[in-house]
N, C-alpha and C. Protein backbone atom coordinates (compact mmCIF):
# COMPACT_ATOMS: atom_id res chain seq x y z
N UNK A 1 -6.75 47.30 31.52
CA UNK A 1 -6.50 46.68 32.18
C UNK A 1 -8.44 47.14 31.42
N UNK A 2 -9.06 45.93 32.82
CA UNK A 2 -11.13 46.59 32.10
C UNK A 2 -11.79 47.19 32.76
N UNK A 3 -12.54 47.19 31.32
CA UNK A 3 -13.62 47.88 31.42
C UNK A 3 -15.27 47.01 31.12
N UNK A 4 -16.33 47.65 32.12
CA UNK A 4 -17.41 46.88 32.17
C UNK A 4 -18.41 47.64 31.29
N UNK A 5 -19.02 46.74 29.64
CA UNK A 5 -19.62 47.93 28.81
C UNK A 5 -21.27 46.98 28.41
N UNK A 6 -21.81 47.89 27.09
CA UNK A 6 -23.18 47.29 26.73
C UNK A 6 -22.95 47.74 25.56
N UNK A 7 -22.92 46.39 24.92
CA UNK A 7 -22.69 46.09 23.14
C UNK A 7 -23.37 46.17 23.05
N UNK A 8 -24.42 47.26 21.67
CA UNK A 8 -26.01 46.67 21.02
C UNK A 8 -25.96 46.35 20.52
N UNK A 9 -26.17 44.99 19.26
CA UNK A 9 -25.36 44.82 17.70
C UNK A 9 -27.04 45.03 17.53
N UNK A 10 -26.59 45.78 15.95
CA UNK A 10 -27.83 46.16 14.86
C UNK A 10 -28.48 45.43 14.02
N UNK A 11 -29.07 45.31 12.85
CA UNK A 11 -29.21 44.66 12.13
C UNK A 11 -29.12 46.12 11.19
N UNK A 12 -29.56 46.93 11.04
CA UNK A 12 -30.31 48.36 10.94
C UNK A 12 -29.66 49.79 11.58
N UNK A 13 -28.81 50.01 10.96
CA UNK A 13 -27.69 51.50 10.52
C UNK A 13 -28.54 52.73 11.89
N UNK A 14 -30.03 52.73 10.80
CA UNK A 14 -29.86 53.86 11.44
C UNK A 14 -31.02 53.47 12.77
N UNK A 15 -31.08 52.13 13.04
CA UNK A 15 -32.39 52.23 13.91
C UNK A 15 -30.35 52.56 15.17
N UNK A 16 -28.86 51.80 15.28
CA UNK A 16 -28.56 51.83 15.31
C UNK A 16 -28.12 53.65 16.15
N UNK A 17 -27.81 53.78 14.89
CA UNK A 17 -27.71 55.50 15.00
C UNK A 17 -28.46 56.31 16.65
N UNK A 18 -29.78 56.38 16.12
CA UNK A 18 -30.49 56.48 16.60
C UNK A 18 -30.15 56.79 18.33
N UNK A 19 -30.29 55.09 18.43
CA UNK A 19 -29.88 54.26 19.36
C UNK A 19 -28.83 54.25 20.40
N UNK A 20 -26.98 55.03 19.74
CA UNK A 20 -25.72 55.63 19.83
C UNK A 20 -25.96 56.97 20.54
N UNK A 21 -27.22 58.10 19.87
CA UNK A 21 -27.44 58.69 19.71
C UNK A 21 -27.67 59.21 21.54
N UNK A 22 -29.05 58.56 21.82
CA UNK A 22 -29.52 58.41 22.74
C UNK A 22 -29.15 58.14 24.45
N UNK A 23 -28.60 57.04 24.28
CA UNK A 23 -27.23 56.24 24.84
C UNK A 23 -25.83 57.52 25.67
N UNK A 24 -25.42 58.34 24.43
CA UNK A 24 -24.25 59.38 24.74
C UNK A 24 -23.23 57.48 24.72
N UNK A 25 -23.02 56.90 23.12
CA UNK A 25 -22.72 55.55 23.28
C UNK A 25 -21.62 56.28 21.73
N UNK A 26 -20.79 55.19 21.87
CA UNK A 26 -19.42 54.63 20.31
C UNK A 26 -20.88 53.83 19.15
N UNK A 27 -20.86 54.45 18.06
CA UNK A 27 -21.27 53.38 16.94
C UNK A 27 -20.05 53.45 15.96
N UNK A 28 -20.26 51.52 15.62
CA UNK A 28 -19.42 51.19 14.95
C UNK A 28 -19.94 50.99 13.65
N UNK A 29 -20.25 50.82 11.88
CA UNK A 29 -21.01 51.52 11.60
C UNK A 29 -20.29 50.62 10.36
N UNK A 30 -20.95 49.39 9.49
CA UNK A 30 -20.39 48.35 8.39
C UNK A 30 -19.90 49.52 7.77
N UNK A 31 -18.55 49.71 6.58
CA UNK A 31 -19.18 50.82 5.87
C UNK A 31 -19.48 50.51 4.59
N UNK A 32 -20.01 49.61 4.57
CA UNK A 32 -21.08 49.00 3.64
C UNK A 32 -22.40 49.49 3.33
N UNK A 33 -22.86 50.25 2.05
CA UNK A 33 -24.56 50.36 1.76
C UNK A 33 -24.90 48.83 2.17
N UNK A 34 -25.03 47.76 2.11
CA UNK A 34 -25.34 46.51 1.97
C UNK A 34 -24.78 46.07 2.78
N UNK A 35 -26.25 45.95 3.44
CA UNK A 35 -25.10 44.74 4.71
C UNK A 35 -25.82 43.48 5.22
N UNK A 36 -26.37 43.17 4.30
CA UNK A 36 -27.31 42.21 4.75
C UNK A 36 -26.72 40.38 4.59
N UNK A 37 -25.70 40.28 3.93
CA UNK A 37 -24.70 39.06 3.78
C UNK A 37 -23.60 39.14 4.92
N UNK A 38 -23.93 40.68 5.40
CA UNK A 38 -23.07 40.47 7.32
C UNK A 38 -23.37 40.05 7.65
N UNK A 39 -22.71 39.93 9.55
CA UNK A 39 -23.62 39.34 10.75
C UNK A 39 -24.35 40.46 11.09
N UNK A 40 -24.05 41.83 11.12
CA UNK A 40 -24.95 42.66 12.10
C UNK A 40 -24.10 43.87 11.06
N UNK A 41 -24.91 45.57 10.77
CA UNK A 41 -24.62 46.29 10.51
C UNK A 41 -24.15 47.62 10.88
N UNK A 42 -24.68 47.30 12.74
CA UNK A 42 -23.84 48.44 13.38
C UNK A 42 -23.80 47.93 14.86
N UNK A 43 -22.75 47.83 15.37
CA UNK A 43 -22.53 47.87 17.21
C UNK A 43 -22.44 49.10 17.95
N UNK A 44 -22.85 49.72 18.41
CA UNK A 44 -23.15 50.44 19.50
C UNK A 44 -22.83 49.82 21.15
N UNK A 45 -22.05 51.26 21.69
CA UNK A 45 -20.80 50.23 23.32
C UNK A 45 -21.11 52.04 23.33
N UNK A 46 -20.84 51.13 24.92
CA UNK A 46 -20.79 52.08 26.04
C UNK A 46 -21.14 51.81 27.75
N UNK A 47 -21.37 52.52 28.42
CA UNK A 47 -21.98 52.79 29.19
C UNK A 47 -22.77 53.06 30.55
N UNK A 48 -23.45 53.86 29.54
CA UNK A 48 -24.88 53.52 29.83
C UNK A 48 -25.78 53.43 30.00
N UNK A 49 -26.58 53.38 31.68
CA UNK A 49 -27.46 52.22 31.40
C UNK A 49 -28.95 52.37 30.50
N UNK A 50 -28.75 53.26 30.22
CA UNK A 50 -29.84 53.50 28.98
C UNK A 50 -30.33 52.40 28.00
N UNK A 51 -28.73 51.70 27.41
CA UNK A 51 -28.35 51.28 26.36
C UNK A 51 -30.06 50.08 26.87
N UNK A 52 -29.74 49.47 28.81
CA UNK A 52 -30.83 48.80 27.95
C UNK A 52 -32.08 48.78 28.18
N UNK A 53 -32.09 50.28 28.21
CA UNK A 53 -33.60 50.15 27.58
C UNK A 53 -34.26 49.83 25.98
N UNK A 54 -32.93 49.72 25.53
CA UNK A 54 -32.67 49.49 23.29
C UNK A 54 -32.70 48.03 23.17
N UNK A 55 -33.67 47.25 24.25
CA UNK A 55 -33.24 45.51 24.43
C UNK A 55 -33.89 45.21 23.20
N UNK A 56 -34.88 45.73 22.72
CA UNK A 56 -35.99 45.02 22.67
C UNK A 56 -36.04 45.10 20.79
N UNK A 57 -34.64 46.38 20.71
CA UNK A 57 -34.24 47.09 18.86
C UNK A 57 -32.61 46.43 18.87
N UNK A 58 -32.01 46.02 20.30
CA UNK A 58 -30.85 45.14 19.42
C UNK A 58 -31.35 43.68 18.87
N UNK A 59 -31.84 44.27 17.47
CA UNK A 59 -32.04 42.58 17.44
C UNK A 59 -30.48 41.51 16.90
N UNK A 60 -30.15 41.98 16.72
CA UNK A 60 -28.71 40.72 16.07
C UNK A 60 -27.84 40.69 18.17
N UNK A 61 -27.67 40.83 19.38
CA UNK A 61 -27.38 41.05 20.27
C UNK A 61 -27.78 42.07 21.44
N UNK A 62 -27.45 42.02 22.23
CA UNK A 62 -27.08 42.87 23.65
C UNK A 62 -26.54 42.38 24.69
N UNK A 63 -25.08 43.05 24.85
CA UNK A 63 -24.10 41.93 25.56
C UNK A 63 -24.38 42.94 26.99
N UNK A 64 -23.20 42.18 27.92
CA UNK A 64 -22.18 43.01 29.15
C UNK A 64 -21.11 42.29 28.54
N UNK A 65 -20.41 43.38 28.12
CA UNK A 65 -18.67 43.28 28.56
C UNK A 65 -17.84 43.22 28.89
N UNK A 66 -16.73 43.59 28.71
CA UNK A 66 -15.30 43.47 29.81
C UNK A 66 -14.60 44.30 28.53
N UNK A 67 -14.45 45.91 28.19
CA UNK A 67 -13.55 45.85 27.39
C UNK A 67 -11.84 45.80 27.89
N UNK A 68 -11.34 45.09 27.07
CA UNK A 68 -9.57 44.95 27.32
C UNK A 68 -8.91 45.98 26.63
N UNK A 69 -8.52 46.64 27.30
CA UNK A 69 -7.35 47.68 25.95
C UNK A 69 -5.31 46.58 26.28
N UNK A 70 -5.52 46.22 24.36
CA UNK A 70 -3.95 45.54 24.16
C UNK A 70 -3.09 46.69 23.78
N UNK A 71 -3.82 48.31 22.92
CA UNK A 71 -2.79 48.18 22.03
C UNK A 71 -3.33 50.11 22.73
N UNK A 72 -3.39 50.96 22.89
CA UNK A 72 -3.83 52.11 23.15
C UNK A 72 -4.10 52.47 23.80
N UNK A 73 -4.94 53.44 24.08
CA UNK A 73 -5.62 53.96 25.21
C UNK A 73 -7.34 53.66 26.32
N UNK A 74 -7.68 53.16 26.80
CA UNK A 74 -9.02 52.55 26.01
C UNK A 74 -10.26 53.03 25.51
N UNK A 75 -11.54 52.96 25.53
CA UNK A 75 -12.06 54.33 24.28
C UNK A 75 -12.25 55.02 24.86
N UNK A 76 -13.08 54.78 25.80
CA UNK A 76 -13.21 56.03 27.25
C UNK A 76 -12.73 56.70 27.01
N UNK A 77 -11.17 56.98 27.23
CA UNK A 77 -10.81 57.84 27.35
C UNK A 77 -10.15 58.71 25.99
N UNK A 78 -10.33 57.90 24.79
CA UNK A 78 -10.21 59.08 23.77
C UNK A 78 -11.03 60.09 23.59
N UNK A 79 -10.54 60.87 22.49
CA UNK A 79 -10.19 63.00 22.45
C UNK A 79 -11.40 62.23 20.49
N UNK A 80 -11.65 62.30 20.17
CA UNK A 80 -12.51 62.42 18.54
C UNK A 80 -11.40 62.23 17.81
N UNK A 81 -10.55 63.52 18.49
CA UNK A 81 -9.19 63.15 17.59
C UNK A 81 -8.22 61.54 17.58
N UNK A 82 -8.62 61.05 18.72
CA UNK A 82 -7.90 59.69 18.85
C UNK A 82 -8.34 58.88 18.46
N UNK A 83 -9.26 58.63 17.59
CA UNK A 83 -10.75 57.67 17.50
C UNK A 83 -9.70 57.56 16.38
N UNK A 84 -9.43 55.69 16.08
CA UNK A 84 -8.95 55.24 14.94
C UNK A 84 -10.10 55.62 13.49
N UNK A 85 -9.47 55.22 12.49
CA UNK A 85 -10.65 55.55 11.39
C UNK A 85 -11.21 54.51 10.97
N UNK A 86 -10.48 53.09 10.97
CA UNK A 86 -11.26 52.11 10.76
C UNK A 86 -11.33 50.92 11.57
N UNK A 87 -12.31 49.97 11.37
CA UNK A 87 -12.45 48.69 12.58
C UNK A 87 -12.46 47.81 12.67
N UNK A 88 -11.67 46.86 12.45
CA UNK A 88 -12.12 45.74 11.70
C UNK A 88 -13.30 44.54 13.09
N UNK A 89 -14.23 44.41 13.36
CA UNK A 89 -14.87 43.81 14.41
C UNK A 89 -14.71 42.13 14.35
N UNK A 90 -14.37 41.44 14.91
CA UNK A 90 -14.40 40.24 15.20
C UNK A 90 -15.35 39.55 15.78
N UNK A 91 -17.00 38.79 15.86
CA UNK A 91 -17.35 38.03 16.85
C UNK A 91 -17.08 36.75 16.56
N UNK A 92 -16.73 36.45 18.28
CA UNK A 92 -15.81 35.33 18.19
C UNK A 92 -16.58 34.20 19.20
N UNK A 93 -16.81 33.00 18.22
CA UNK A 93 -17.39 31.84 19.49
C UNK A 93 -16.27 30.72 19.86
N UNK A 94 -16.53 30.80 21.17
CA UNK A 94 -15.43 29.77 21.88
C UNK A 94 -15.38 28.09 21.42
N UNK A 95 -14.51 27.97 21.54
CA UNK A 95 -13.81 26.50 20.82
C UNK A 95 -14.69 25.63 21.95
N UNK A 96 -15.74 24.48 21.49
CA UNK A 96 -16.44 23.84 22.97
C UNK A 96 -15.49 22.64 23.18
N UNK A 97 -14.34 22.54 22.45
CA UNK A 97 -13.09 21.91 22.66
C UNK A 97 -12.15 22.03 23.88
N UNK A 98 -12.09 23.34 24.63
CA UNK A 98 -11.84 24.07 25.59
C UNK A 98 -12.62 24.84 26.17
N UNK A 99 -13.99 25.36 26.01
CA UNK A 99 -15.37 26.34 26.50
C UNK A 99 -14.53 28.12 26.77
N UNK A 100 -15.77 28.94 26.61
CA UNK A 100 -15.20 29.96 27.24
C UNK A 100 -14.57 30.25 27.83
N UNK A 101 -14.23 29.95 28.96
CA UNK A 101 -13.20 30.60 30.16
C UNK A 101 -11.92 29.78 29.18
N UNK A 102 -11.12 29.04 29.28
CA UNK A 102 -10.44 29.07 28.84
C UNK A 102 -9.81 29.26 27.52
N UNK A 103 -10.61 29.79 26.66
CA UNK A 103 -10.85 30.03 25.12
C UNK A 103 -10.72 31.06 25.03
N UNK A 104 -11.33 32.32 26.17
CA UNK A 104 -10.58 33.68 26.77
C UNK A 104 -9.70 33.83 26.95
N UNK A 105 -9.17 33.79 28.32
CA UNK A 105 -8.20 32.99 28.26
C UNK A 105 -6.18 32.60 26.94
N UNK A 106 -7.13 32.26 26.27
CA UNK A 106 -5.62 32.27 25.03
C UNK A 106 -5.76 32.81 24.63
N UNK A 107 -7.12 33.48 23.88
CA UNK A 107 -7.00 35.11 23.39
C UNK A 107 -6.75 35.49 24.03
N UNK A 108 -6.64 36.63 25.58
CA UNK A 108 -6.17 37.01 26.24
C UNK A 108 -5.07 37.36 26.37
N UNK A 109 -4.11 36.23 26.67
CA UNK A 109 -2.86 35.99 27.73
C UNK A 109 -1.41 35.88 25.88
N UNK A 110 -2.24 35.16 24.87
CA UNK A 110 -1.68 34.10 24.22
C UNK A 110 -1.71 35.15 22.18
N UNK A 111 -3.00 34.60 22.03
CA UNK A 111 -3.16 35.64 21.19
C UNK A 111 -3.14 36.88 21.00
N UNK A 112 -3.59 37.62 22.36
CA UNK A 112 -3.73 38.88 22.27
C UNK A 112 -2.00 39.88 21.43
N UNK A 113 -0.54 39.07 22.16
CA UNK A 113 0.62 39.87 22.21
C UNK A 113 1.12 38.00 20.46
N UNK A 114 0.54 38.04 20.41
CA UNK A 114 0.03 37.27 18.70
C UNK A 114 0.15 38.36 18.30
N UNK A 115 -1.24 38.47 18.51
CA UNK A 115 -2.27 40.19 17.18
C UNK A 115 -0.75 41.68 17.36
N UNK A 116 -0.52 41.89 18.21
CA UNK A 116 0.01 43.13 18.58
C UNK A 116 1.53 43.00 17.76
N UNK A 117 1.52 41.51 17.50
CA UNK A 117 3.52 41.43 16.98
C UNK A 117 2.94 41.59 15.82
N UNK A 118 1.95 40.79 15.16
CA UNK A 118 1.82 40.56 13.83
C UNK A 118 0.72 41.91 13.10
N UNK A 119 0.06 42.60 13.07
CA UNK A 119 -1.28 43.06 12.72
C UNK A 119 -0.15 44.72 13.76
N UNK A 120 0.71 44.25 12.66
CA UNK A 120 2.16 45.92 13.28
C UNK A 120 1.38 46.77 12.67
N UNK A 121 0.74 47.05 11.40
CA UNK A 121 -0.70 49.20 11.29
C UNK A 121 -1.32 49.07 12.04
N UNK A 122 -1.96 48.52 12.96
CA UNK A 122 -3.07 48.49 14.07
C UNK A 122 -2.66 49.23 15.20
N UNK A 123 -3.95 50.03 15.16
CA UNK A 123 -2.99 51.93 16.18
C UNK A 123 -4.05 51.15 17.20
N UNK A 124 -4.67 50.75 17.16
CA UNK A 124 -5.38 50.37 18.25
C UNK A 124 -5.84 48.64 18.44
N UNK A 125 -5.77 48.10 19.51
CA UNK A 125 -6.47 46.62 20.16
C UNK A 125 -7.31 46.26 21.27
N UNK A 126 -8.74 46.28 21.22
CA UNK A 126 -9.64 46.07 22.14
C UNK A 126 -10.04 44.25 22.63
N UNK A 127 -10.16 43.48 23.23
CA UNK A 127 -11.10 43.03 23.47
C UNK A 127 -11.99 42.63 24.07
N UNK A 128 -13.08 42.11 23.75
CA UNK A 128 -14.65 42.41 24.06
C UNK A 128 -15.16 41.36 24.85
N UNK A 129 -14.84 40.78 25.72
CA UNK A 129 -15.70 39.89 26.88
C UNK A 129 -16.65 39.60 26.61
N UNK A 130 -17.53 38.43 26.46
CA UNK A 130 -18.62 38.84 26.79
C UNK A 130 -18.57 38.43 27.90
N UNK A 131 -19.25 39.21 29.04
CA UNK A 131 -19.54 38.52 30.44
C UNK A 131 -21.26 38.22 30.31
N UNK A 132 -21.86 38.58 29.65
CA UNK A 132 -22.87 37.71 30.22
C UNK A 132 -24.12 38.35 28.92
N UNK A 133 -24.75 37.30 28.25
CA UNK A 133 -25.94 37.68 26.87
C UNK A 133 -27.51 38.15 27.11
N UNK A 134 -27.82 39.15 26.85
CA UNK A 134 -29.44 39.18 27.37
C UNK A 134 -29.70 39.55 26.37
N UNK A 135 -30.00 39.36 25.31
CA UNK A 135 -30.96 38.18 24.67
C UNK A 135 -29.07 38.48 23.04
N UNK A 136 -30.27 37.47 21.75
CA UNK A 136 -29.31 37.59 20.43
C UNK A 136 -28.25 36.23 21.04
N UNK A 137 -28.00 35.89 19.17
CA UNK A 137 -26.58 34.90 19.10
C UNK A 137 -25.60 34.90 20.01
N UNK A 138 -24.88 33.67 20.31
CA UNK A 138 -24.23 33.08 21.79
C UNK A 138 -22.87 33.36 20.61
N UNK A 139 -22.70 34.85 21.24
CA UNK A 139 -20.64 35.67 21.03
C UNK A 139 -20.51 34.70 22.05
N UNK A 140 -18.71 34.97 22.22
CA UNK A 140 -18.57 35.35 23.85
C UNK A 140 -16.98 36.14 23.69
N UNK A 141 -17.10 36.63 22.26
CA UNK A 141 -16.09 38.00 22.06
C UNK A 141 -16.38 39.01 21.26
N UNK A 142 -15.79 39.48 21.15
CA UNK A 142 -16.38 40.55 20.19
C UNK A 142 -14.16 41.70 19.68
N UNK A 143 -12.95 40.77 18.88
CA UNK A 143 -12.01 41.73 18.82
C UNK A 143 -12.64 43.21 17.99
N UNK A 144 -11.53 43.79 18.30
CA UNK A 144 -11.65 45.83 17.73
C UNK A 144 -10.76 45.29 17.59
N UNK A 145 -9.90 45.75 15.85
CA UNK A 145 -8.86 45.05 15.23
C UNK A 145 -8.85 47.06 14.37
N UNK A 146 -8.52 47.96 14.97
CA UNK A 146 -8.32 49.53 15.03
C UNK A 146 -7.53 49.70 14.02
N UNK A 147 -7.53 50.80 12.78
CA UNK A 147 -6.51 51.06 11.69
C UNK A 147 -6.99 52.45 11.46
N UNK A 148 -5.70 53.11 10.72
CA UNK A 148 -6.10 54.48 10.77
C UNK A 148 -6.63 55.01 9.26
N UNK A 149 -7.07 53.40 9.09
CA UNK A 149 -8.38 53.60 7.95
C UNK A 149 -8.09 52.28 7.08
N UNK A 150 -9.35 52.45 6.51
CA UNK A 150 -9.85 51.41 5.92
C UNK A 150 -8.81 50.81 4.68
N UNK A 151 -7.72 50.93 4.33
CA UNK A 151 -6.95 50.98 2.92
C UNK A 151 -5.68 49.99 3.84
N UNK A 152 -4.97 50.61 5.26
CA UNK A 152 -3.99 49.86 5.99
C UNK A 152 -5.59 48.32 6.43
N UNK A 153 -5.98 48.80 7.38
CA UNK A 153 -7.34 47.36 7.68
C UNK A 153 -7.01 46.54 6.45
N UNK A 154 -7.58 47.20 4.58
CA UNK A 154 -7.64 46.34 3.86
C UNK A 154 -6.28 45.22 3.44
N UNK A 155 -4.99 45.50 3.62
CA UNK A 155 -4.21 45.93 2.58
C UNK A 155 -2.40 45.96 4.38
N UNK A 156 -2.88 45.94 5.04
CA UNK A 156 -2.24 46.12 5.82
C UNK A 156 -2.40 45.10 7.41
N UNK A 157 -2.85 44.23 7.10
CA UNK A 157 -3.09 43.89 8.39
C UNK A 157 -2.43 42.90 8.55
N UNK A 158 -1.86 41.97 7.76
CA UNK A 158 -1.14 41.21 8.00
C UNK A 158 0.20 42.15 7.94
N UNK A 159 2.03 41.36 8.46
CA UNK A 159 3.01 41.77 8.98
C UNK A 159 3.83 40.60 7.01
N UNK A 160 3.37 39.63 7.32
CA UNK A 160 4.13 39.03 6.41
C UNK A 160 3.36 37.29 5.91
N UNK A 161 2.82 36.80 5.61
CA UNK A 161 2.18 35.92 4.93
C UNK A 161 2.45 34.95 5.87
N UNK A 162 3.44 34.68 6.44
CA UNK A 162 4.37 33.27 8.02
C UNK A 162 2.99 34.05 8.32
N UNK A 163 3.26 35.57 9.40
CA UNK A 163 2.21 36.31 9.83
C UNK A 163 1.35 35.83 10.00
N UNK A 164 0.16 35.71 8.95
CA UNK A 164 -0.85 35.77 8.22
C UNK A 164 -1.26 33.74 8.91
N UNK A 165 -0.39 33.11 8.39
CA UNK A 165 -0.34 31.52 9.46
C UNK A 165 -0.68 31.77 10.48
N UNK A 166 1.12 31.87 10.69
CA UNK A 166 0.73 31.86 12.96
C UNK A 166 -1.04 32.26 13.33
N UNK A 167 -1.66 33.30 12.81
CA UNK A 167 -2.60 34.33 13.26
C UNK A 167 -4.18 32.89 12.51
N UNK A 168 -4.08 32.46 12.01
CA UNK A 168 -4.79 32.11 11.09
C UNK A 168 -5.09 30.36 12.37
N UNK A 169 -3.58 29.39 12.54
CA UNK A 169 -3.51 28.81 13.01
C UNK A 169 -3.19 28.81 14.95
N UNK A 170 -3.13 29.73 15.35
CA UNK A 170 -3.42 29.80 16.81
C UNK A 170 -4.93 30.35 16.85
N UNK A 171 -6.34 30.00 15.68
CA UNK A 171 -7.30 30.82 15.90
C UNK A 171 -7.84 29.53 15.87
N UNK A 172 -7.47 29.25 15.63
CA UNK A 172 -7.82 27.90 15.51
C UNK A 172 -7.89 26.82 17.26
N UNK A 173 -7.56 27.56 18.08
CA UNK A 173 -6.95 26.52 19.78
C UNK A 173 -7.93 27.08 20.07
N UNK A 174 -8.35 28.69 20.09
CA UNK A 174 -9.30 29.01 20.65
C UNK A 174 -10.32 29.21 20.78
N UNK A 175 -10.44 29.60 18.98
CA UNK A 175 -12.56 29.57 18.63
C UNK A 175 -13.09 28.63 17.68
N UNK A 176 -14.49 28.79 17.58
CA UNK A 176 -15.26 27.78 16.69
C UNK A 176 -15.46 28.94 15.49
N UNK A 177 -14.64 28.12 14.33
CA UNK A 177 -13.56 29.11 13.39
C UNK A 177 -15.25 28.91 12.75
N UNK A 178 -16.37 28.10 11.90
CA UNK A 178 -17.06 27.32 11.85
C UNK A 178 -18.38 27.97 12.74
N UNK A 179 -18.50 28.60 13.83
CA UNK A 179 -19.62 29.47 13.96
C UNK A 179 -19.61 30.56 14.11
N UNK A 180 -18.17 31.30 14.25
CA UNK A 180 -17.97 32.33 14.09
C UNK A 180 -18.11 33.39 12.30
N UNK A 181 -18.64 34.37 12.86
CA UNK A 181 -19.57 35.57 11.85
C UNK A 181 -17.71 36.17 11.50
N UNK A 182 -18.12 36.10 10.25
CA UNK A 182 -16.49 36.84 9.89
C UNK A 182 -16.70 38.39 9.87
N UNK A 183 -15.31 39.34 9.41
CA UNK A 183 -14.99 40.20 10.14
C UNK A 183 -16.74 40.95 9.03
N UNK A 184 -15.91 42.23 10.48
CA UNK A 184 -17.48 43.06 9.52
C UNK A 184 -16.37 44.43 9.76
N UNK A 185 -16.41 45.04 8.05
CA UNK A 185 -15.03 46.70 8.17
C UNK A 185 -16.46 47.16 9.04
N UNK A 186 -16.00 47.73 9.99
CA UNK A 186 -16.55 49.09 9.98
C UNK A 186 -15.74 50.57 10.27
N UNK A 187 -17.00 51.71 10.42
CA UNK A 187 -15.73 53.08 10.68
C UNK A 187 -16.89 53.95 12.16
N UNK A 188 -15.96 54.76 13.49
CA UNK A 188 -16.52 55.19 14.22
C UNK A 188 -17.56 56.67 14.42
N UNK A 189 -18.94 56.09 14.13
CA UNK A 189 -19.57 57.49 13.97
C UNK A 189 -19.29 57.77 14.67
N UNK A 190 -18.94 59.88 14.97
CA UNK A 190 -18.91 60.30 15.94
C UNK A 190 -20.33 60.44 16.40
N UNK A 191 -20.47 60.16 17.32
CA UNK A 191 -21.99 60.45 17.82
C UNK A 191 -21.37 60.58 19.49
N UNK A 192 -20.75 60.62 20.19
CA UNK A 192 -20.41 60.23 21.23
C UNK A 192 -18.90 59.69 21.87
N UNK A 193 -18.97 60.00 22.72
CA UNK A 193 -17.61 59.23 23.04
C UNK A 193 -18.02 58.73 25.32
N UNK A 194 -17.89 56.99 24.66
CA UNK A 194 -18.15 56.56 26.15
C UNK A 194 -17.49 56.60 26.82
């Protein structure tokens, strides 16, 4: 199942918190206090048309995304106690060798299956495919790899060394690993459910 949403990406957590509250959206906030070395500090995800009003404040980027649920239920149907405790957000730039459409197809049809097999401790898994970039960095997608807590995300991300290698090799088939930013470990801030 796919659902269209707006993803607003910020370098400032305080601005993101304000926007999330005003737009009744879900906020993924970097767990680190110092975020200058990260690709972003917060991601606000929602279906409210109010998010378009904050285009000038989403200094990293503003995107129309298609949210694909690969594990668990769509984010918009989860109650606050069903939300994951910690989320690894992986911005993805498509491999220039195959282009965005083929990269998205591989990401969904092949990598998604592999991720579900290798990331055994993952509680929820979503792929946000960028349908349109309004402003900001040229990302083609964001993976939301969700875990019960930060320790599971950091220490139980892969089921084995072989699984880690298989994922790394597969990512090279669809993503531009030189230009895809590093993951951001986030927590969901309970502003509202989208």
